[in-house]
N, C-alpha and C. Protein backbone atom coordinates (compact mmCIF):
# COMPACT_ATOMS: atom_id res chain seq x y z
N MET A 1 93.68 96.38 135.79
CA MET A 1 93.35 97.08 134.58
C MET A 1 94.40 96.95 133.50
N ASN A 2 95.72 97.02 133.90
CA ASN A 2 96.83 96.92 133.01
C ASN A 2 96.87 95.43 132.40
N ALA A 3 96.46 94.53 133.11
CA ALA A 3 96.43 93.06 132.62
C ALA A 3 95.42 93.04 131.51
N PHE A 4 94.20 93.65 131.58
CA PHE A 4 93.09 93.62 130.56
C PHE A 4 93.66 94.40 129.32
N ILE A 5 94.28 95.51 129.57
CA ILE A 5 94.84 96.25 128.40
C ILE A 5 95.88 95.48 127.67
N ALA A 6 96.68 94.69 128.38
CA ALA A 6 97.77 93.91 127.69
C ALA A 6 97.08 92.86 127.09
N PHE A 7 95.97 92.25 127.55
CA PHE A 7 95.25 91.12 126.81
C PHE A 7 94.69 91.60 125.52
N LEU A 8 94.11 92.79 125.50
CA LEU A 8 93.67 93.35 124.31
C LEU A 8 94.59 93.68 123.35
N LYS A 9 95.75 94.05 123.69
CA LYS A 9 96.86 94.31 122.77
C LYS A 9 97.65 93.09 122.26
N ASP A 10 97.37 91.98 122.92
CA ASP A 10 98.17 90.79 122.46
C ASP A 10 97.57 90.24 121.23
N GLU A 11 98.47 90.03 120.29
CA GLU A 11 98.04 89.57 119.00
C GLU A 11 98.23 88.01 118.85
N ASP A 12 98.81 87.40 119.75
CA ASP A 12 98.90 85.82 119.60
C ASP A 12 97.59 85.16 119.33
N GLY A 13 97.57 84.30 118.37
CA GLY A 13 96.37 83.54 118.09
C GLY A 13 95.36 84.19 117.18
N GLN A 14 95.58 85.53 116.80
CA GLN A 14 94.67 86.06 115.92
C GLN A 14 94.94 85.65 114.50
N THR A 15 96.12 85.24 114.12
CA THR A 15 96.30 84.81 112.76
C THR A 15 95.51 83.48 112.51
N SER A 16 95.48 82.59 113.45
CA SER A 16 94.65 81.38 113.12
C SER A 16 93.20 81.68 113.01
N THR A 17 92.82 82.55 113.84
CA THR A 17 91.40 82.98 113.75
C THR A 17 91.10 83.74 112.42
N GLU A 18 91.95 84.53 111.94
CA GLU A 18 91.75 85.18 110.66
C GLU A 18 91.66 84.20 109.54
N TYR A 19 92.61 83.26 109.56
CA TYR A 19 92.62 82.20 108.55
C TYR A 19 91.33 81.38 108.49
N ILE A 20 90.86 81.03 109.65
CA ILE A 20 89.60 80.36 109.86
C ILE A 20 88.41 81.14 109.28
N LEU A 21 88.30 82.41 109.56
CA LEU A 21 87.38 83.33 108.98
C LEU A 21 87.49 83.40 107.50
N LEU A 22 88.69 83.46 106.97
CA LEU A 22 88.92 83.57 105.59
C LEU A 22 88.35 82.29 104.88
N VAL A 23 88.70 81.15 105.40
CA VAL A 23 88.15 79.84 104.88
C VAL A 23 86.69 79.79 104.85
N VAL A 24 86.03 80.33 105.91
CA VAL A 24 84.64 80.30 106.02
C VAL A 24 84.07 81.23 104.96
N VAL A 25 84.60 82.36 104.77
CA VAL A 25 84.06 83.27 103.86
C VAL A 25 84.22 82.67 102.43
N VAL A 26 85.37 82.04 102.09
CA VAL A 26 85.52 81.30 100.80
C VAL A 26 84.60 80.25 100.58
N ALA A 27 84.34 79.47 101.65
CA ALA A 27 83.35 78.38 101.54
C ALA A 27 82.07 78.95 101.25
N MET A 28 81.65 80.01 101.89
CA MET A 28 80.29 80.64 101.75
C MET A 28 80.13 81.08 100.33
N ILE A 29 81.18 81.66 99.65
CA ILE A 29 81.12 82.22 98.36
C ILE A 29 81.01 81.00 97.40
N VAL A 30 81.80 79.96 97.59
CA VAL A 30 81.69 78.75 96.81
C VAL A 30 80.28 78.17 96.88
N MET A 31 79.72 78.13 98.04
CA MET A 31 78.32 77.44 98.20
C MET A 31 77.27 78.36 97.46
N LYS A 32 77.43 79.66 97.54
CA LYS A 32 76.50 80.61 96.95
C LYS A 32 76.46 80.51 95.45
N PHE A 33 77.60 80.38 94.77
CA PHE A 33 77.78 80.31 93.39
C PHE A 33 77.96 78.92 92.77
N LYS A 34 77.63 77.90 93.46
CA LYS A 34 77.87 76.49 93.11
C LYS A 34 76.85 76.11 92.01
N ALA A 35 75.66 76.54 92.01
CA ALA A 35 74.76 76.18 91.00
C ALA A 35 75.11 76.95 89.63
N THR A 36 75.48 77.98 89.73
CA THR A 36 75.86 78.81 88.52
C THR A 36 77.13 78.27 87.97
N ALA A 37 78.07 77.89 88.71
CA ALA A 37 79.32 77.40 88.21
C ALA A 37 79.16 76.01 87.62
N THR A 38 78.29 75.31 88.24
CA THR A 38 77.94 73.88 87.71
C THR A 38 77.22 74.00 86.39
N THR A 39 76.34 74.82 86.25
CA THR A 39 75.59 75.09 84.90
C THR A 39 76.59 75.46 83.85
N LYS A 40 77.34 76.39 84.20
CA LYS A 40 78.29 76.93 83.14
C LYS A 40 79.41 75.94 82.74
N LEU A 41 79.88 75.14 83.75
CA LEU A 41 80.86 74.13 83.46
C LEU A 41 80.38 73.04 82.66
N ASN A 42 79.13 72.65 82.97
CA ASN A 42 78.36 71.56 82.22
C ASN A 42 78.16 71.91 80.73
N GLY A 43 77.86 73.31 80.64
CA GLY A 43 77.69 73.87 79.21
C GLY A 43 79.05 73.84 78.47
N LEU A 44 79.99 74.22 79.07
CA LEU A 44 81.37 74.18 78.46
C LEU A 44 81.88 72.80 78.00
N VAL A 45 81.69 71.87 79.00
CA VAL A 45 82.09 70.48 78.71
C VAL A 45 81.27 70.00 77.55
N GLU A 46 80.06 70.21 77.55
CA GLU A 46 79.14 69.75 76.49
C GLU A 46 79.53 70.24 75.18
N GLN A 47 79.85 71.60 75.08
CA GLN A 47 80.38 72.23 73.85
C GLN A 47 81.68 71.55 73.30
N VAL A 48 82.59 71.38 74.36
CA VAL A 48 83.87 70.68 73.99
C VAL A 48 83.58 69.25 73.39
N PHE A 49 82.86 68.51 73.99
CA PHE A 49 82.58 67.14 73.55
C PHE A 49 81.82 67.02 72.20
N ASN A 50 80.88 68.06 72.13
CA ASN A 50 80.15 68.08 70.86
C ASN A 50 81.08 68.66 69.64
N GLY A 51 81.96 69.47 69.90
CA GLY A 51 82.82 69.85 68.88
C GLY A 51 83.84 68.87 68.51
N VAL A 52 84.30 68.01 69.47
CA VAL A 52 85.26 66.96 69.19
C VAL A 52 84.48 65.85 68.48
N SER A 53 83.31 65.52 68.76
CA SER A 53 82.45 64.47 68.14
C SER A 53 82.24 64.92 66.74
N ALA A 54 81.87 66.14 66.45
CA ALA A 54 81.70 66.52 65.07
C ALA A 54 82.88 66.44 64.29
N ASN A 55 84.07 66.67 64.74
CA ASN A 55 85.25 66.64 63.98
C ASN A 55 85.92 65.31 63.83
N ILE A 56 85.42 64.32 64.54
CA ILE A 56 86.06 62.90 64.41
C ILE A 56 85.06 62.01 63.55
N ASP A 57 85.77 61.46 62.57
CA ASP A 57 85.08 60.47 61.81
C ASP A 57 85.25 59.02 62.37
N PHE A 58 84.06 58.50 62.91
CA PHE A 58 84.17 57.18 63.55
C PHE A 58 83.97 56.00 62.51
N SER A 59 83.77 56.40 61.22
CA SER A 59 83.47 55.21 60.35
C SER A 59 84.74 54.56 59.90
N GLU A 60 85.99 55.11 60.27
CA GLU A 60 87.16 54.38 59.77
C GLU A 60 87.46 53.12 60.42
């Protein structure tokens, strides 16, 4: 019984498991909002390039 309690109290290896779980959670969040982020970033890039094109005179 003492060996089992010692096993439960042992914290070795928990840090790597916690980091793996953290990476999984972050990956799930990124995948969840991927479409929204892509749409917003495409709109932002389009606005920047349209603004630059409107301000540059290509006739010179």
